[in-house]
Amino acid sequence: MAEDNTQVQPTLEEVNELLQEYEQYRERLVKDTVDAAKRAKMPKQETMAKLEPQLVKIDAAIEQLKAQKADLLAAEDR
């Protein structure tokens, strides 16, 4: 039996949903982490430095989704 290696393209709606979820997650992560750091009396700069690796990954995913959205919109226009 042959294995099907084709990938199913997500719909524009699915990409928009994921994009919104990632953006909300990023905002919530920063807010919750900064709030917890304030309670622990940690400097904001130190807190943000510790968060940076996670934010870089989230931002990369957001950028990838934006590019995918642009591709889907361009494909619709054809």
PDB file of N, CA and C in Angstrom:
ATOM      1  N   MET A   1       0.845  -1.177   0.000  1.00  0.00           N
ATOM      2  CA  MET A   1       0.000   0.000   0.000  1.00  0.00           C
ATOM      3  C   MET A   1       0.892   1.244   0.000  1.00  0.00           C
ATOM      4  N   ALA A   2       0.655   2.155  -0.894  1.00  0.00           N
ATOM      5  CA  ALA A   2       1.459   3.377  -0.995  1.00  0.00           C
ATOM      6  C   ALA A   2       1.017   4.382   0.058  1.00  0.00           C
ATOM      7  N   GLU A   3       1.993   5.075   0.598  1.00  0.00           N
ATOM      8  CA  GLU A   3       1.711   6.077   1.618  1.00  0.00           C
ATOM      9  C   GLU A   3       1.476   7.418   0.941  1.00  0.00           C
ATOM     10  N   ASP A   4       0.437   8.123   1.360  1.00  0.00           N
ATOM     11  CA  ASP A   4       0.099   9.420   0.776  1.00  0.00           C
ATOM     12  C   ASP A   4       0.839  10.509   1.542  1.00  0.00           C
ATOM     13  N   ASN A   5       1.788  11.168   0.887  1.00  0.00           N
ATOM     14  CA  ASN A   5       2.593  12.200   1.537  1.00  0.00           C
ATOM     15  C   ASN A   5       2.094  13.614   1.271  1.00  0.00           C
ATOM     16  N   THR A   6       0.930  13.756   0.655  1.00  0.00           N
ATOM     17  CA  THR A   6       0.415  15.098   0.380  1.00  0.00           C
ATOM     18  C   THR A   6      -0.103  15.718   1.665  1.00  0.00           C
ATOM     19  N   GLN A   7       0.141  17.009   1.780  1.00  0.00           N
ATOM     20  CA  GLN A   7      -0.329  17.729   2.958  1.00  0.00           C
ATOM     21  C   GLN A   7      -1.628  18.442   2.616  1.00  0.00           C
ATOM     22  N   VAL A   8      -2.542  18.438   3.545  1.00  0.00           N
ATOM     23  CA  VAL A   8      -3.801  19.132   3.355  1.00  0.00           C
ATOM     24  C   VAL A   8      -3.584  20.591   3.740  1.00  0.00           C
ATOM     25  N   GLN A   9      -3.908  21.481   2.817  1.00  0.00           N
ATOM     26  CA  GLN A   9      -3.753  22.911   3.085  1.00  0.00           C
ATOM     27  C   GLN A   9      -4.871  23.366   4.016  1.00  0.00           C
ATOM     28  N   PRO A  10      -4.532  24.121   5.048  1.00  0.00           N
ATOM     29  CA  PRO A  10      -5.580  24.649   5.921  1.00  0.00           C
ATOM     30  C   PRO A  10      -6.384  25.716   5.175  1.00  0.00           C
ATOM     31  N   THR A  11      -7.602  25.906   5.619  1.00  0.00           N
ATOM     32  CA  THR A  11      -8.435  26.939   5.008  1.00  0.00           C
ATOM     33  C   THR A  11      -8.043  28.299   5.572  1.00  0.00           C
ATOM     34  N   LEU A  12      -8.481  29.341   4.902  1.00  0.00           N
ATOM     35  CA  LEU A  12      -8.221  30.701   5.370  1.00  0.00           C
ATOM     36  C   LEU A  12      -8.817  30.904   6.760  1.00  0.00           C
ATOM     37  N   GLU A  13      -9.985  30.341   6.973  1.00  0.00           N
ATOM     38  CA  GLU A  13     -10.646  30.450   8.275  1.00  0.00           C
ATOM     39  C   GLU A  13      -9.802  29.792   9.377  1.00  0.00           C
ATOM     40  N   GLU A  14      -9.252  28.625   9.089  1.00  0.00           N
ATOM     41  CA  GLU A  14      -8.413  27.926  10.071  1.00  0.00           C
ATOM     42  C   GLU A  14      -7.144  28.722  10.378  1.00  0.00           C
ATOM     43  N   VAL A  15      -6.538  29.292   9.351  1.00  0.00           N
ATOM     44  CA  VAL A  15      -5.324  30.092   9.552  1.00  0.00           C
ATOM     45  C   VAL A  15      -5.650  31.329  10.383  1.00  0.00           C
ATOM     46  N   ASN A  16      -6.762  31.999  10.077  1.00  0.00           N
ATOM     47  CA  ASN A  16      -7.171  33.174  10.851  1.00  0.00           C
ATOM     48  C   ASN A  16      -7.414  32.817  12.312  1.00  0.00           C
ATOM     49  N   GLU A  17      -8.046  31.668  12.535  1.00  0.00           N
ATOM     50  CA  GLU A  17      -8.317  31.203  13.894  1.00  0.00           C
ATOM     51  C   GLU A  17      -7.016  30.965  14.664  1.00  0.00           C
ATOM     52  N   LEU A  18      -6.089  30.257  14.028  1.00  0.00           N
ATOM     53  CA  LEU A  18      -4.797  29.977  14.664  1.00  0.00           C
ATOM     54  C   LEU A  18      -4.027  31.260  14.938  1.00  0.00           C
ATOM     55  N   LEU A  19      -4.056  32.165  13.991  1.00  0.00           N
ATOM     56  CA  LEU A  19      -3.364  33.442  14.139  1.00  0.00           C
ATOM     57  C   LEU A  19      -3.907  34.201  15.346  1.00  0.00           C
ATOM     58  N   GLN A  20      -5.213  34.252  15.454  1.00  0.00           N
ATOM     59  CA  GLN A  20      -5.847  34.933  16.581  1.00  0.00           C
ATOM     60  C   GLN A  20      -5.486  34.248  17.904  1.00  0.00           C
ATOM     61  N   GLU A  21      -5.497  32.922  17.916  1.00  0.00           N
ATOM     62  CA  GLU A  21      -5.162  32.185  19.140  1.00  0.00           C
ATOM     63  C   GLU A  21      -3.719  32.432  19.572  1.00  0.00           C
ATOM     64  N   TYR A  22      -2.791  32.409  18.621  1.00  0.00           N
ATOM     65  CA  TYR A  22      -1.382  32.668  18.948  1.00  0.00           C
ATOM     66  C   TYR A  22      -1.186  34.086  19.476  1.00  0.00           C
ATOM     67  N   GLU A  23      -1.843  35.064  18.846  1.00  0.00           N
ATOM     68  CA  GLU A  23      -1.697  36.452  19.294  1.00  0.00           C
ATOM     69  C   GLU A  23      -2.260  36.630  20.703  1.00  0.00           C
ATOM     70  N   GLN A  24      -3.417  36.012  20.962  1.00  0.00           N
ATOM     71  CA  GLN A  24      -4.002  36.088  22.304  1.00  0.00           C
ATOM     72  C   GLN A  24      -3.127  35.369  23.325  1.00  0.00           C
ATOM     73  N   TYR A  25      -2.578  34.221  22.951  1.00  0.00           N
ATOM     74  CA  TYR A  25      -1.699  33.471  23.843  1.00  0.00           C
ATOM     75  C   TYR A  25      -0.468  34.295  24.203  1.00  0.00           C
ATOM     76  N   ARG A  26       0.109  34.963  23.205  1.00  0.00           N
ATOM     77  CA  ARG A  26       1.300  35.786  23.434  1.00  0.00           C
ATOM     78  C   ARG A  26       0.993  36.906  24.427  1.00  0.00           C
ATOM     79  N   GLU A  27      -0.121  37.600  24.192  1.00  0.00           N
ATOM     80  CA  GLU A  27      -0.518  38.690  25.094  1.00  0.00           C
ATOM     81  C   GLU A  27      -0.736  38.176  26.512  1.00  0.00           C
ATOM     82  N   ARG A  28      -1.445  37.054  26.622  1.00  0.00           N
ATOM     83  CA  ARG A  28      -1.741  36.481  27.941  1.00  0.00           C
ATOM     84  C   ARG A  28      -0.466  36.023  28.645  1.00  0.00           C
ATOM     85  N   LEU A  29       0.445  35.408  27.906  1.00  0.00           N
ATOM     86  CA  LEU A  29       1.709  34.941  28.477  1.00  0.00           C
ATOM     87  C   LEU A  29       2.512  36.107  29.048  1.00  0.00           C
ATOM     88  N   VAL A  30       2.625  37.182  28.272  1.00  0.00           N
ATOM     89  CA  VAL A  30       3.375  38.354  28.738  1.00  0.00           C
ATOM     90  C   VAL A  30       2.697  38.953  29.963  1.00  0.00           C
ATOM     91  N   LYS A  31       1.388  39.174  29.883  1.00  0.00           N
ATOM     92  CA  LYS A  31       0.663  39.799  30.996  1.00  0.00           C
ATOM     93  C   LYS A  31       0.763  38.957  32.270  1.00  0.00           C
ATOM     94  N   ASP A  32       0.472  37.671  32.152  1.00  0.00           N
ATOM     95  CA  ASP A  32       0.498  36.800  33.333  1.00  0.00           C
ATOM     96  C   ASP A  32       1.900  36.694  33.929  1.00  0.00           C
ATOM     97  N   THR A  33       2.910  36.616  33.079  1.00  0.00           N
ATOM     98  CA  THR A  33       4.288  36.499  33.555  1.00  0.00           C
ATOM     99  C   THR A  33       4.745  37.787  34.227  1.00  0.00           C
ATOM    100  N   VAL A  34       4.415  38.923  33.627  1.00  0.00           N
ATOM    101  CA  VAL A  34       4.795  40.213  34.216  1.00  0.00           C
ATOM    102  C   VAL A  34       4.069  40.411  35.546  1.00  0.00           C
ATOM    103  N   ASP A  35       2.788  40.049  35.597  1.00  0.00           N
ATOM    104  CA  ASP A  35       2.032  40.169  36.851  1.00  0.00           C
ATOM    105  C   ASP A  35       2.640  39.293  37.948  1.00  0.00           C
ATOM    106  N   ALA A  36       2.999  38.067  37.606  1.00  0.00           N
ATOM    107  CA  ALA A  36       3.609  37.162  38.586  1.00  0.00           C
ATOM    108  C   ALA A  36       4.966  37.695  39.033  1.00  0.00           C
ATOM    109  N   ALA A  37       5.716  38.263  38.110  1.00  0.00           N
ATOM    110  CA  ALA A  37       7.032  38.822  38.443  1.00  0.00           C
ATOM    111  C   ALA A  37       6.896  40.017  39.379  1.00  0.00           C
ATOM    112  N   LYS A  38       5.871  40.820  39.160  1.00  0.00           N
ATOM    113  CA  LYS A  38       5.634  41.971  40.052  1.00  0.00           C
ATOM    114  C   LYS A  38       5.358  41.486  41.472  1.00  0.00           C
ATOM    115  N   ARG A  39       4.526  40.448  41.571  1.00  0.00           N
ATOM    116  CA  ARG A  39       4.209  39.904  42.901  1.00  0.00           C
ATOM    117  C   ARG A  39       5.461  39.338  43.571  1.00  0.00           C
ATOM    118  N   ALA A  40       6.355  38.784  42.758  1.00  0.00           N
ATOM    119  CA  ALA A  40       7.600  38.218  43.283  1.00  0.00           C
ATOM    120  C   ALA A  40       8.702  39.271  43.398  1.00  0.00           C
ATOM    121  N   LYS A  41       8.360  40.503  43.025  1.00  0.00           N
ATOM    122  CA  LYS A  41       9.294  41.641  43.076  1.00  0.00           C
ATOM    123  C   LYS A  41      10.538  41.411  42.216  1.00  0.00           C
ATOM    124  N   MET A  42      10.313  40.770  41.060  1.00  0.00           N
ATOM    125  CA  MET A  42      11.398  40.574  40.092  1.00  0.00           C
ATOM    126  C   MET A  42      11.411  41.763  39.140  1.00  0.00           C
ATOM    127  N   PRO A  43      12.585  42.204  38.733  1.00  0.00           N
ATOM    128  CA  PRO A  43      12.652  43.306  37.769  1.00  0.00           C
ATOM    129  C   PRO A  43      12.012  42.906  36.432  1.00  0.00           C
ATOM    130  N   LYS A  44      11.284  43.857  35.824  1.00  0.00           N
ATOM    131  CA  LYS A  44      10.609  43.579  34.557  1.00  0.00           C
ATOM    132  C   LYS A  44      11.613  43.193  33.468  1.00  0.00           C
ATOM    133  N   GLN A  45      12.773  43.854  33.468  1.00  0.00           N
ATOM    134  CA  GLN A  45      13.792  43.576  32.452  1.00  0.00           C
ATOM    135  C   GLN A  45      14.258  42.116  32.544  1.00  0.00           C
ATOM    136  N   GLU A  46      14.464  41.643  33.752  1.00  0.00           N
ATOM    137  CA  GLU A  46      14.889  40.248  33.958  1.00  0.00           C
ATOM    138  C   GLU A  46      13.784  39.281  33.526  1.00  0.00           C
ATOM    139  N   THR A  47      12.560  39.627  33.860  1.00  0.00           N
ATOM    140  CA  THR A  47      11.415  38.801  33.484  1.00  0.00           C
ATOM    141  C   THR A  47      11.298  38.689  31.974  1.00  0.00           C
ATOM    142  N   MET A  48      11.401  39.823  31.291  1.00  0.00           N
ATOM    143  CA  MET A  48      11.275  39.826  29.832  1.00  0.00           C
ATOM    144  C   MET A  48      12.434  39.060  29.183  1.00  0.00           C
ATOM    145  N   ALA A  49      13.612  39.138  29.774  1.00  0.00           N
ATOM    146  CA  ALA A  49      14.762  38.405  29.237  1.00  0.00           C
ATOM    147  C   ALA A  49      14.519  36.896  29.314  1.00  0.00           C
ATOM    148  N   LYS A  50      13.889  36.459  30.402  1.00  0.00           N
ATOM    149  CA  LYS A  50      13.591  35.032  30.543  1.00  0.00           C
ATOM    150  C   LYS A  50      12.473  34.591  29.600  1.00  0.00           C
ATOM    151  N   LEU A  51      11.576  35.517  29.291  1.00  0.00           N
ATOM    152  CA  LEU A  51      10.459  35.222  28.395  1.00  0.00           C
ATOM    153  C   LEU A  51      10.862  35.230  26.923  1.00  0.00           C
ATOM    154  N   GLU A  52      11.919  35.946  26.613  1.00  0.00           N
ATOM    155  CA  GLU A  52      12.315  36.193  25.226  1.00  0.00           C
ATOM    156  C   GLU A  52      12.384  34.937  24.346  1.00  0.00           C
ATOM    157  N   PRO A  53      12.999  33.836  24.792  1.00  0.00           N
ATOM    158  CA  PRO A  53      13.055  32.649  23.916  1.00  0.00           C
ATOM    159  C   PRO A  53      11.666  32.141  23.517  1.00  0.00           C
ATOM    160  N   GLN A  54      10.731  32.164  24.454  1.00  0.00           N
ATOM    161  CA  GLN A  54       9.371  31.726  24.146  1.00  0.00           C
ATOM    162  C   GLN A  54       8.701  32.702  23.185  1.00  0.00           C
ATOM    163  N   LEU A  55       8.915  33.995  23.404  1.00  0.00           N
ATOM    164  CA  LEU A  55       8.300  35.001  22.542  1.00  0.00           C
ATOM    165  C   LEU A  55       8.832  34.909  21.118  1.00  0.00           C
ATOM    166  N   VAL A  56      10.107  34.592  20.985  1.00  0.00           N
ATOM    167  CA  VAL A  56      10.701  34.438  19.649  1.00  0.00           C
ATOM    168  C   VAL A  56      10.007  33.293  18.902  1.00  0.00           C
ATOM    169  N   LYS A  57       9.768  32.182  19.585  1.00  0.00           N
ATOM    170  CA  LYS A  57       9.094  31.041  18.953  1.00  0.00           C
ATOM    171  C   LYS A  57       7.658  31.391  18.567  1.00  0.00           C
ATOM    172  N   ILE A  58       6.965  32.065  19.467  1.00  0.00           N
ATOM    173  CA  ILE A  58       5.579  32.456  19.193  1.00  0.00           C
ATOM    174  C   ILE A  58       5.535  33.442  18.031  1.00  0.00           C
ATOM    175  N   ASP A  59       6.432  34.425  18.045  1.00  0.00           N
ATOM    176  CA  ASP A  59       6.472  35.414  16.964  1.00  0.00           C
ATOM    177  C   ASP A  59       6.781  34.760  15.621  1.00  0.00           C
ATOM    178  N   ALA A  60       7.651  33.770  15.624  1.00  0.00           N
ATOM    179  CA  ALA A  60       7.975  33.054  14.382  1.00  0.00           C
ATOM    180  C   ALA A  60       6.740  32.314  13.860  1.00  0.00           C
ATOM    181  N   ALA A  61       5.995  31.701  14.761  1.00  0.00           N
ATOM    182  CA  ALA A  61       4.774  30.995  14.361  1.00  0.00           C
ATOM    183  C   ALA A  61       3.746  31.978  13.809  1.00  0.00           C
ATOM    184  N   ILE A  62       3.637  33.139  14.446  1.00  0.00           N
ATOM    185  CA  ILE A  62       2.705  34.170  13.977  1.00  0.00           C
ATOM    186  C   ILE A  62       3.103  34.645  12.582  1.00  0.00           C
ATOM    187  N   GLU A  63       4.380  34.888  12.374  1.00  0.00           N
ATOM    188  CA  GLU A  63       4.855  35.336  11.055  1.00  0.00           C
ATOM    189  C   GLU A  63       4.605  34.271   9.991  1.00  0.00           C
ATOM    190  N   GLN A  64       4.810  33.015  10.354  1.00  0.00           N
ATOM    191  CA  GLN A  64       4.570  31.916   9.415  1.00  0.00           C
ATOM    192  C   GLN A  64       3.086  31.859   9.042  1.00  0.00           C
ATOM    193  N   LEU A  65       2.219  32.036  10.033  1.00  0.00           N
ATOM    194  CA  LEU A  65       0.782  32.022   9.764  1.00  0.00           C
ATOM    195  C   LEU A  65       0.369  33.213   8.900  1.00  0.00           C
ATOM    196  N   LYS A  66       0.977  34.373   9.143  1.00  0.00           N
ATOM    197  CA  LYS A  66       0.670  35.552   8.319  1.00  0.00           C
ATOM    198  C   LYS A  66       1.085  35.314   6.872  1.00  0.00           C
ATOM    199  N   ALA A  67       2.227  34.680   6.672  1.00  0.00           N
ATOM    200  CA  ALA A  67       2.686  34.369   5.315  1.00  0.00           C
ATOM    201  C   ALA A  67       1.742  33.362   4.657  1.00  0.00           C
ATOM    202  N   GLN A  68       1.321  32.382   5.431  1.00  0.00           N
ATOM    203  CA  GLN A  68       0.397  31.371   4.916  1.00  0.00           C
ATOM    204  C   GLN A  68      -0.940  32.022   4.543  1.00  0.00           C
ATOM    205  N   LYS A  69      -1.380  32.966   5.374  1.00  0.00           N
ATOM    206  CA  LYS A  69      -2.623  33.690   5.102  1.00  0.00           C
ATOM    207  C   LYS A  69      -2.490  34.486   3.805  1.00  0.00           C
ATOM    208  N   ALA A  70      -1.365  35.162   3.634  1.00  0.00           N
ATOM    209  CA  ALA A  70      -1.130  35.939   2.413  1.00  0.00           C
ATOM    210  C   ALA A  70      -1.146  35.027   1.187  1.00  0.00           C
ATOM    211  N   ASP A  71      -0.537  33.851   1.304  1.00  0.00           N
ATOM    212  CA  ASP A  71      -0.532  32.889   0.196  1.00  0.00           C
ATOM    213  C   ASP A  71      -1.952  32.432  -0.145  1.00  0.00           C
ATOM    214  N   LEU A  72      -2.739  32.168   0.892  1.00  0.00           N
ATOM    215  CA  LEU A  72      -4.118  31.731   0.663  1.00  0.00           C
ATOM    216  C   LEU A  72      -4.946  32.836   0.015  1.00  0.00           C
ATOM    217  N   LEU A  73      -4.746  34.074   0.465  1.00  0.00           N
ATOM    218  CA  LEU A  73      -5.468  35.200  -0.129  1.00  0.00           C
ATOM    219  C   LEU A  73      -5.064  35.396  -1.583  1.00  0.00           C
ATOM    220  N   ALA A  74      -3.785  35.247  -1.868  1.00  0.00           N
ATOM    221  CA  ALA A  74      -3.299  35.388  -3.243  1.00  0.00           C
ATOM    222  C   ALA A  74      -3.868  34.280  -4.128  1.00  0.00           C
ATOM    223  N   ALA A  75      -3.975  33.079  -3.582  1.00  0.00           N
ATOM    224  CA  ALA A  75      -4.520  31.954  -4.343  1.00  0.00           C
ATOM    225  C   ALA A  75      -6.007  32.167  -4.643  1.00  0.00           C
ATOM    226  N   GLU A  76      -6.715  32.819  -3.717  1.00  0.00           N
ATOM    227  CA  GLU A  76      -8.135  33.106  -3.931  1.00  0.00           C
ATOM    228  C   GLU A  76      -8.330  34.117  -5.055  1.00  0.00           C
ATOM    229  N   ASP A  77      -7.384  35.040  -5.183  1.00  0.00           N
ATOM    230  CA  ASP A  77      -7.490  36.095  -6.190  1.00  0.00           C
ATOM    231  C   ASP A  77      -7.214  35.596  -7.604  1.00  0.00           C
ATOM    232  N   ARG A  78      -6.620  34.435  -7.718  1.00  0.00           N
ATOM    233  CA  ARG A  78      -6.283  33.907  -9.052  1.00  0.00           C
ATOM    234  C   ARG A  78      -7.484  33.371  -9.757  1.00  0.00           C
TER     235      ARG A  78
END
